[in-house]
Structures are given as C-alpha cells and as structure tokens.
Amino acid sequence: MPDCAYARAAARQPMSGVFVVNDRLPVGQVIEELLLMDSCSEQAEWLGRVLFLPL
C-alpha cells in the first residue's frame, strides 16, 4: 500500500492520507494512535501523505 500511495503522490494524483500500521502492534495501541491523530489534527493535513504508526 505505501508504494502505491507514494506513486500517486509523485504523479500528483489526488489521494487521501494513508496510515500504515505495523501488524505486530496490539490492537488497543493502534486504536489509541488513531484516536490521537484524529483529535490533534485536521483531515486536510493528511491529504497526499503517508504516515507510519506508531509515531
């Protein structure tokens, strides 16, 4: 998924932000990370970006 997201961004195609989550993280930690991102930022900040979690 990240490779496709980077390719879209490089081609300047519209893309929502992508959050990449390590599949070895506990589900509770993933939920906490996503809730933190939601409460501390605006949706528009993530357009065209790829972010790896945990931070």
PDB file of N, CA and C in Angstrom:
ATOM      1  N   MET A   1       0.803  -1.198   0.000  1.00  0.00           N
ATOM      2  CA  MET A   1       0.000   0.000   0.000  1.00  0.00           C
ATOM      3  C   MET A   1       0.849   1.266   0.000  1.00  0.00           C
ATOM      4  N   PRO A   2       1.903   1.354   0.818  1.00  0.00           N
ATOM      5  CA  PRO A   2       2.691   2.591   0.808  1.00  0.00           C
ATOM      6  C   PRO A   2       3.289   2.888  -0.563  1.00  0.00           C
ATOM      7  N   ASP A   3       3.754   1.855  -1.272  1.00  0.00           N
ATOM      8  CA  ASP A   3       4.342   2.086  -2.595  1.00  0.00           C
ATOM      9  C   ASP A   3       3.336   2.704  -3.552  1.00  0.00           C
ATOM     10  N   CYS A   4       2.105   2.219  -3.525  1.00  0.00           N
ATOM     11  CA  CYS A   4       1.053   2.784  -4.381  1.00  0.00           C
ATOM     12  C   CYS A   4       0.743   4.221  -3.986  1.00  0.00           C
ATOM     13  N   ALA A   5       0.720   4.490  -2.695  1.00  0.00           N
ATOM     14  CA  ALA A   5       0.444   5.840  -2.219  1.00  0.00           C
ATOM     15  C   ALA A   5       1.556   6.795  -2.638  1.00  0.00           C
ATOM     16  N   TYR A   6       2.811   6.365  -2.514  1.00  0.00           N
ATOM     17  CA  TYR A   6       3.928   7.208  -2.938  1.00  0.00           C
ATOM     18  C   TYR A   6       3.873   7.463  -4.445  1.00  0.00           C
ATOM     19  N   ALA A   7       3.505   6.456  -5.216  1.00  0.00           N
ATOM     20  CA  ALA A   7       3.415   6.621  -6.669  1.00  0.00           C
ATOM     21  C   ALA A   7       2.331   7.637  -7.030  1.00  0.00           C
ATOM     22  N   ARG A   8       1.191   7.568  -6.371  1.00  0.00           N
ATOM     23  CA  ARG A   8       0.117   8.537  -6.631  1.00  0.00           C
ATOM     24  C   ARG A   8       0.567   9.946  -6.267  1.00  0.00           C
ATOM     25  N   ALA A   9       1.227  10.084  -5.130  1.00  0.00           N
ATOM     26  CA  ALA A   9       1.688  11.402  -4.702  1.00  0.00           C
ATOM     27  C   ALA A   9       2.721  11.953  -5.683  1.00  0.00           C
ATOM     28  N   ALA A  10       3.638  11.101  -6.143  1.00  0.00           N
ATOM     29  CA  ALA A  10       4.661  11.542  -7.094  1.00  0.00           C
ATOM     30  C   ALA A  10       4.045  11.965  -8.420  1.00  0.00           C
ATOM     31  N   ALA A  11       2.950  11.309  -8.804  1.00  0.00           N
ATOM     32  CA  ALA A  11       2.255  11.648 -10.050  1.00  0.00           C
ATOM     33  C   ALA A  11       1.281  12.804  -9.864  1.00  0.00           C
ATOM     34  N   ARG A  12       1.251  13.359  -8.649  1.00  0.00           N
ATOM     35  CA  ARG A  12       0.352  14.465  -8.300  1.00  0.00           C
ATOM     36  C   ARG A  12      -1.125  14.127  -8.540  1.00  0.00           C
ATOM     37  N   GLN A  13      -1.460  12.864  -8.281  1.00  0.00           N
ATOM     38  CA  GLN A  13      -2.854  12.432  -8.353  1.00  0.00           C
ATOM     39  C   GLN A  13      -3.484  12.637  -6.979  1.00  0.00           C
ATOM     40  N   PRO A  14      -4.781  12.943  -6.946  1.00  0.00           N
ATOM     41  CA  PRO A  14      -5.427  13.131  -5.651  1.00  0.00           C
ATOM     42  C   PRO A  14      -5.386  11.842  -4.822  1.00  0.00           C
ATOM     43  N   MET A  15      -5.137  12.020  -3.536  1.00  0.00           N
ATOM     44  CA  MET A  15      -5.052  10.854  -2.661  1.00  0.00           C
ATOM     45  C   MET A  15      -5.359  11.279  -1.239  1.00  0.00           C
ATOM     46  N   SER A  16      -6.181  10.520  -0.587  1.00  0.00           N
ATOM     47  CA  SER A  16      -6.382  10.719   0.850  1.00  0.00           C
ATOM     48  C   SER A  16      -5.117  10.283   1.559  1.00  0.00           C
ATOM     49  N   GLY A  17      -4.953  10.712   2.779  1.00  0.00           N
ATOM     50  CA  GLY A  17      -3.793  10.267   3.543  1.00  0.00           C
ATOM     51  C   GLY A  17      -3.867   8.779   3.840  1.00  0.00           C
ATOM     52  N   VAL A  18      -2.711   8.163   3.987  1.00  0.00           N
ATOM     53  CA  VAL A  18      -2.635   6.733   4.279  1.00  0.00           C
ATOM     54  C   VAL A  18      -1.875   6.547   5.589  1.00  0.00           C
ATOM     55  N   PHE A  19      -2.482   5.833   6.508  1.00  0.00           N
ATOM     56  CA  PHE A  19      -1.828   5.459   7.752  1.00  0.00           C
ATOM     57  C   PHE A  19      -1.421   3.997   7.633  1.00  0.00           C
ATOM     58  N   VAL A  20      -0.139   3.736   7.757  1.00  0.00           N
ATOM     59  CA  VAL A  20       0.386   2.375   7.669  1.00  0.00           C
ATOM     60  C   VAL A  20       0.663   1.894   9.088  1.00  0.00           C
ATOM     61  N   VAL A  21       0.067   0.766   9.440  1.00  0.00           N
ATOM     62  CA  VAL A  21       0.153   0.255  10.806  1.00  0.00           C
ATOM     63  C   VAL A  21       0.928  -1.059  10.808  1.00  0.00           C
ATOM     64  N   ASN A  22       1.883  -1.161  11.708  1.00  0.00           N
ATOM     65  CA  ASN A  22       2.622  -2.394  11.879  1.00  0.00           C
ATOM     66  C   ASN A  22       1.654  -3.466  12.387  1.00  0.00           C
ATOM     67  N   ASP A  23       1.584  -4.588  11.699  1.00  0.00           N
ATOM     68  CA  ASP A  23       0.621  -5.628  12.080  1.00  0.00           C
ATOM     69  C   ASP A  23       0.994  -6.355  13.365  1.00  0.00           C
ATOM     70  N   ARG A  24       2.138  -6.040  13.933  1.00  0.00           N
ATOM     71  CA  ARG A  24       2.531  -6.654  15.204  1.00  0.00           C
ATOM     72  C   ARG A  24       2.129  -5.815  16.410  1.00  0.00           C
ATOM     73  N   LEU A  25       1.576  -4.640  16.166  1.00  0.00           N
ATOM     74  CA  LEU A  25       1.145  -3.788  17.273  1.00  0.00           C
ATOM     75  C   LEU A  25      -0.140  -4.330  17.886  1.00  0.00           C
ATOM     76  N   PRO A  26      -0.289  -4.183  19.190  1.00  0.00           N
ATOM     77  CA  PRO A  26      -1.553  -4.558  19.820  1.00  0.00           C
ATOM     78  C   PRO A  26      -2.684  -3.663  19.285  1.00  0.00           C
ATOM     79  N   VAL A  27      -3.846  -4.239  19.108  1.00  0.00           N
ATOM     80  CA  VAL A  27      -4.981  -3.504  18.559  1.00  0.00           C
ATOM     81  C   VAL A  27      -5.289  -2.266  19.389  1.00  0.00           C
ATOM     82  N   GLY A  28      -5.222  -2.385  20.706  1.00  0.00           N
ATOM     83  CA  GLY A  28      -5.502  -1.241  21.575  1.00  0.00           C
ATOM     84  C   GLY A  28      -4.560  -0.079  21.312  1.00  0.00           C
ATOM     85  N   GLN A  29      -3.289  -0.369  21.071  1.00  0.00           N
ATOM     86  CA  GLN A  29      -2.320   0.690  20.781  1.00  0.00           C
ATOM     87  C   GLN A  29      -2.622   1.354  19.440  1.00  0.00           C
ATOM     88  N   VAL A  30      -3.007   0.565  18.461  1.00  0.00           N
ATOM     89  CA  VAL A  30      -3.364   1.120  17.154  1.00  0.00           C
ATOM     90  C   VAL A  30      -4.554   2.065  17.296  1.00  0.00           C
ATOM     91  N   ILE A  31      -5.551   1.634  18.035  1.00  0.00           N
ATOM     92  CA  ILE A  31      -6.734   2.481  18.243  1.00  0.00           C
ATOM     93  C   ILE A  31      -6.335   3.777  18.943  1.00  0.00           C
ATOM     94  N   GLU A  32      -5.502   3.690  19.975  1.00  0.00           N
ATOM     95  CA  GLU A  32      -5.057   4.892  20.683  1.00  0.00           C
ATOM     96  C   GLU A  32      -4.302   5.835  19.749  1.00  0.00           C
ATOM     97  N   GLU A  33      -3.430   5.302  18.913  1.00  0.00           N
ATOM     98  CA  GLU A  33      -2.672   6.125  17.964  1.00  0.00           C
ATOM     99  C   GLU A  33      -3.615   6.836  16.984  1.00  0.00           C
ATOM    100  N   LEU A  34      -4.577   6.100  16.466  1.00  0.00           N
ATOM    101  CA  LEU A  34      -5.516   6.697  15.506  1.00  0.00           C
ATOM    102  C   LEU A  34      -6.398   7.755  16.172  1.00  0.00           C
ATOM    103  N   LEU A  35      -6.835   7.503  17.386  1.00  0.00           N
ATOM    104  CA  LEU A  35      -7.632   8.499  18.105  1.00  0.00           C
ATOM    105  C   LEU A  35      -6.812   9.749  18.393  1.00  0.00           C
ATOM    106  N   LEU A  36      -5.546   9.576  18.723  1.00  0.00           N
ATOM    107  CA  LEU A  36      -4.667  10.715  18.943  1.00  0.00           C
ATOM    108  C   LEU A  36      -4.527  11.539  17.665  1.00  0.00           C
ATOM    109  N   MET A  37      -4.309  10.872  16.552  1.00  0.00           N
ATOM    110  CA  MET A  37      -4.190  11.581  15.268  1.00  0.00           C
ATOM    111  C   MET A  37      -5.478  12.327  14.948  1.00  0.00           C
ATOM    112  N   ASP A  38      -6.600  11.722  15.222  1.00  0.00           N
ATOM    113  CA  ASP A  38      -7.890  12.342  14.943  1.00  0.00           C
ATOM    114  C   ASP A  38      -8.117  13.576  15.806  1.00  0.00           C
ATOM    115  N   SER A  39      -7.754  13.494  17.077  1.00  0.00           N
ATOM    116  CA  SER A  39      -8.032  14.606  17.979  1.00  0.00           C
ATOM    117  C   SER A  39      -7.027  15.752  17.855  1.00  0.00           C
ATOM    118  N   CYS A  40      -5.853  15.498  17.335  1.00  0.00           N
ATOM    119  CA  CYS A  40      -4.797  16.518  17.290  1.00  0.00           C
ATOM    120  C   CYS A  40      -4.538  17.093  15.900  1.00  0.00           C
ATOM    121  N   SER A  41      -5.358  16.753  14.934  1.00  0.00           N
ATOM    122  CA  SER A  41      -5.099  17.241  13.590  1.00  0.00           C
ATOM    123  C   SER A  41      -6.413  17.420  12.832  1.00  0.00           C
ATOM    124  N   GLU A  42      -6.283  18.015  11.666  1.00  0.00           N
ATOM    125  CA  GLU A  42      -7.419  18.194  10.763  1.00  0.00           C
ATOM    126  C   GLU A  42      -7.254  17.247   9.582  1.00  0.00           C
ATOM    127  N   GLN A  43      -8.356  16.812   9.021  1.00  0.00           N
ATOM    128  CA  GLN A  43      -8.335  15.868   7.915  1.00  0.00           C
ATOM    129  C   GLN A  43      -7.487  16.383   6.751  1.00  0.00           C
ATOM    130  N   ALA A  44      -7.563  17.656   6.468  1.00  0.00           N
ATOM    131  CA  ALA A  44      -6.837  18.224   5.334  1.00  0.00           C
ATOM    132  C   ALA A  44      -5.323  18.117   5.485  1.00  0.00           C
ATOM    133  N   GLU A  45      -4.832  17.971   6.716  1.00  0.00           N
ATOM    134  CA  GLU A  45      -3.393  17.861   6.941  1.00  0.00           C
ATOM    135  C   GLU A  45      -2.807  16.573   6.377  1.00  0.00           C
ATOM    136  N   TRP A  46      -3.622  15.577   6.141  1.00  0.00           N
ATOM    137  CA  TRP A  46      -3.125  14.261   5.739  1.00  0.00           C
ATOM    138  C   TRP A  46      -3.285  13.990   4.254  1.00  0.00           C
ATOM    139  N   LEU A  47      -3.873  14.913   3.512  1.00  0.00           N
ATOM    140  CA  LEU A  47      -4.043  14.694   2.082  1.00  0.00           C
ATOM    141  C   LEU A  47      -2.693  14.498   1.412  1.00  0.00           C
ATOM    142  N   GLY A  48      -2.582  13.417   0.653  1.00  0.00           N
ATOM    143  CA  GLY A  48      -1.378  13.140  -0.100  1.00  0.00           C
ATOM    144  C   GLY A  48      -0.186  12.691   0.724  1.00  0.00           C
ATOM    145  N   ARG A  49      -0.399  12.286   1.973  1.00  0.00           N
ATOM    146  CA  ARG A  49       0.722  11.902   2.847  1.00  0.00           C
ATOM    147  C   ARG A  49       0.609  10.435   3.254  1.00  0.00           C
ATOM    148  N   VAL A  50       1.766   9.856   3.562  1.00  0.00           N
ATOM    149  CA  VAL A  50       1.845   8.500   4.091  1.00  0.00           C
ATOM    150  C   VAL A  50       2.505   8.593   5.462  1.00  0.00           C
ATOM    151  N   LEU A  51       1.845   8.049   6.463  1.00  0.00           N
ATOM    152  CA  LEU A  51       2.375   8.111   7.826  1.00  0.00           C
ATOM    153  C   LEU A  51       2.408   6.715   8.407  1.00  0.00           C
ATOM    154  N   PHE A  52       3.543   6.362   8.985  1.00  0.00           N
ATOM    155  CA  PHE A  52       3.709   5.053   9.603  1.00  0.00           C
ATOM    156  C   PHE A  52       3.446   5.166  11.098  1.00  0.00           C
ATOM    157  N   LEU A  53       2.638   4.258  11.627  1.00  0.00           N
ATOM    158  CA  LEU A  53       2.333   4.199  13.047  1.00  0.00           C
ATOM    159  C   LEU A  53       2.985   2.974  13.655  1.00  0.00           C
ATOM    160  N   PRO A  54       3.499   3.024  14.860  1.00  0.00           N
ATOM    161  CA  PRO A  54       3.340   4.105  15.812  1.00  0.00           C
ATOM    162  C   PRO A  54       4.257   5.262  15.451  1.00  0.00           C
ATOM    163  N   LEU A  55       3.895   6.421  16.003  1.00  0.00           N
ATOM    164  CA  LEU A  55       4.656   7.643  15.727  1.00  0.00           C
ATOM    165  C   LEU A  55       6.041   7.594  16.308  1.00  0.00           C
TER     166      LEU A  55
END
